Amino acid sequence: MPVAKRLTIENVNLDDEREMDAFVDQVLTAGMERVRAEGDELRRKALLDSQGKLLVKELPADMKEGADRDCGG
């Protein structure tokens, strides 16, 4: 039987295997949604291709080894 309430680490019953399974499923589903959204954003910015391969491999000048950079601190 599916759990009707939104489970959190604070309210999940750690002794109830079914509730723990539902919690893990809920966390994995939310995580995958976030990963997909991030991938969509990177594709929109033309940083990833449709297969998820990185299109931009060159680092910005200030990130290259030996670059004179100011981190604002």
C-alpha atoms as a PDB file:
ATOM      1  CA  MET A   1       0.000   0.000   0.000  1.00  0.00           C
ATOM      2  CA  PRO A   2       1.536   3.366  -1.010  1.00  0.00           C
ATOM      3  CA  VAL A   3       2.196   5.917   1.676  1.00  0.00           C
ATOM      4  CA  ALA A   4      -0.066   8.965   1.279  1.00  0.00           C
ATOM      5  CA  LYS A   5       2.009  11.474   3.268  1.00  0.00           C
ATOM      6  CA  ARG A   6       5.201  13.096   1.995  1.00  0.00           C
ATOM      7  CA  LEU A   7       8.004  11.354   3.778  1.00  0.00           C
ATOM      8  CA  THR A   8      11.014  13.210   5.134  1.00  0.00           C
ATOM      9  CA  ILE A   9      14.015  12.077   7.104  1.00  0.00           C
ATOM     10  CA  GLU A  10      12.296  13.522  10.189  1.00  0.00           C
ATOM     11  CA  ASN A  11       9.006  11.646   9.824  1.00  0.00           C
ATOM     12  CA  VAL A  12       9.913   8.356   8.142  1.00  0.00           C
ATOM     13  CA  ASN A  13       9.537   5.295  10.349  1.00  0.00           C
ATOM     14  CA  LEU A  14      12.965   3.666  10.120  1.00  0.00           C
ATOM     15  CA  ASP A  15      11.566   0.403  11.480  1.00  0.00           C
ATOM     16  CA  ASP A  16       8.877   0.077   8.777  1.00  0.00           C
ATOM     17  CA  GLU A  17      10.449  -1.550   5.699  1.00  0.00           C
ATOM     18  CA  ARG A  18       7.592  -0.550   3.384  1.00  0.00           C
ATOM     19  CA  GLU A  19       7.746   3.063   4.518  1.00  0.00           C
ATOM     20  CA  MET A  20      11.528   3.081   4.092  1.00  0.00           C
ATOM     21  CA  ASP A  21      11.140   1.662   0.566  1.00  0.00           C
ATOM     22  CA  ALA A  22       8.593   4.382  -0.236  1.00  0.00           C
ATOM     23  CA  PHE A  23      10.949   7.020   1.179  1.00  0.00           C
ATOM     24  CA  VAL A  24      13.879   5.763  -0.901  1.00  0.00           C
ATOM     25  CA  ASP A  25      11.679   5.689  -4.039  1.00  0.00           C
ATOM     26  CA  GLN A  26      10.513   9.238  -3.285  1.00  0.00           C
ATOM     27  CA  VAL A  27      14.098  10.493  -2.836  1.00  0.00           C
ATOM     28  CA  LEU A  28      15.344   8.762  -6.005  1.00  0.00           C
ATOM     29  CA  THR A  29      12.416  10.105  -8.048  1.00  0.00           C
ATOM     30  CA  ALA A  30      13.056  13.660  -6.840  1.00  0.00           C
ATOM     31  CA  GLY A  31      16.762  13.269  -7.548  1.00  0.00           C
ATOM     32  CA  MET A  32      16.191  12.029 -11.087  1.00  0.00           C
ATOM     33  CA  GLU A  33      13.812  14.928 -11.758  1.00  0.00           C
ATOM     34  CA  ARG A  34      16.554  17.317 -10.664  1.00  0.00           C
ATOM     35  CA  VAL A  35      19.184  15.579 -12.807  1.00  0.00           C
ATOM     36  CA  ARG A  36      16.891  15.746 -15.854  1.00  0.00           C
ATOM     37  CA  ALA A  37      16.162  19.434 -15.227  1.00  0.00           C
ATOM     38  CA  GLU A  38      19.885  20.213 -14.913  1.00  0.00           C
ATOM     39  CA  GLY A  39      20.599  18.302 -18.137  1.00  0.00           C
ATOM     40  CA  ASP A  40      17.827  20.214 -19.919  1.00  0.00           C
ATOM     41  CA  GLU A  41      19.327  23.491 -18.700  1.00  0.00           C
ATOM     42  CA  LEU A  42      22.818  22.516 -19.896  1.00  0.00           C
ATOM     43  CA  ARG A  43      21.412  21.515 -23.288  1.00  0.00           C
ATOM     44  CA  ARG A  44      19.521  24.827 -23.487  1.00  0.00           C
ATOM     45  CA  LYS A  45      22.820  26.628 -22.823  1.00  0.00           C
ATOM     46  CA  ALA A  46      24.475  24.493 -25.562  1.00  0.00           C
ATOM     47  CA  LEU A  47      26.930  22.931 -23.109  1.00  0.00           C
ATOM     48  CA  LEU A  48      25.663  19.354 -23.639  1.00  0.00           C
ATOM     49  CA  ASP A  49      24.571  17.565 -26.783  1.00  0.00           C
ATOM     50  CA  SER A  50      21.435  15.424 -27.003  1.00  0.00           C
ATOM     51  CA  GLN A  51      23.341  12.374 -25.697  1.00  0.00           C
ATOM     52  CA  GLY A  52      24.628  14.301 -22.675  1.00  0.00           C
ATOM     53  CA  LYS A  53      28.183  14.704 -23.959  1.00  0.00           C
ATOM     54  CA  LEU A  54      30.033  17.865 -23.005  1.00  0.00           C
ATOM     55  CA  LEU A  55      30.317  20.241 -25.970  1.00  0.00           C
ATOM     56  CA  VAL A  56      32.588  22.852 -24.379  1.00  0.00           C
ATOM     57  CA  LYS A  57      35.935  21.503 -23.219  1.00  0.00           C
ATOM     58  CA  GLU A  58      37.970  24.706 -23.068  1.00  0.00           C
ATOM     59  CA  LEU A  59      38.299  26.354 -19.659  1.00  0.00           C
ATOM     60  CA  PRO A  60      37.771  30.099 -19.301  1.00  0.00           C
ATOM     61  CA  ALA A  61      41.077  32.004 -19.126  1.00  0.00           C
ATOM     62  CA  ASP A  62      40.736  32.751 -15.406  1.00  0.00           C
ATOM     63  CA  MET A  63      40.358  29.033 -14.598  1.00  0.00           C
ATOM     64  CA  LYS A  64      43.473  27.858 -16.406  1.00  0.00           C
ATOM     65  CA  GLU A  65      46.570  26.770 -14.503  1.00  0.00           C
ATOM     66  CA  GLY A  66      48.738  29.745 -13.510  1.00  0.00           C
ATOM     67  CA  ALA A  67      46.087  32.349 -14.310  1.00  0.00           C
ATOM     68  CA  ASP A  68      46.220  35.582 -12.321  1.00  0.00           C
ATOM     69  CA  ARG A  69      42.791  35.642 -10.751  1.00  0.00           C
ATOM     70  CA  ASP A  70      41.016  37.464  -7.994  1.00  0.00           C
ATOM     71  CA  CYS A  71      38.406  35.443  -6.137  1.00  0.00           C
ATOM     72  CA  GLY A  72      36.891  38.569  -4.657  1.00  0.00           C
ATOM     73  CA  GLY A  73      38.175  37.929  -1.132  1.00  0.00           C
END
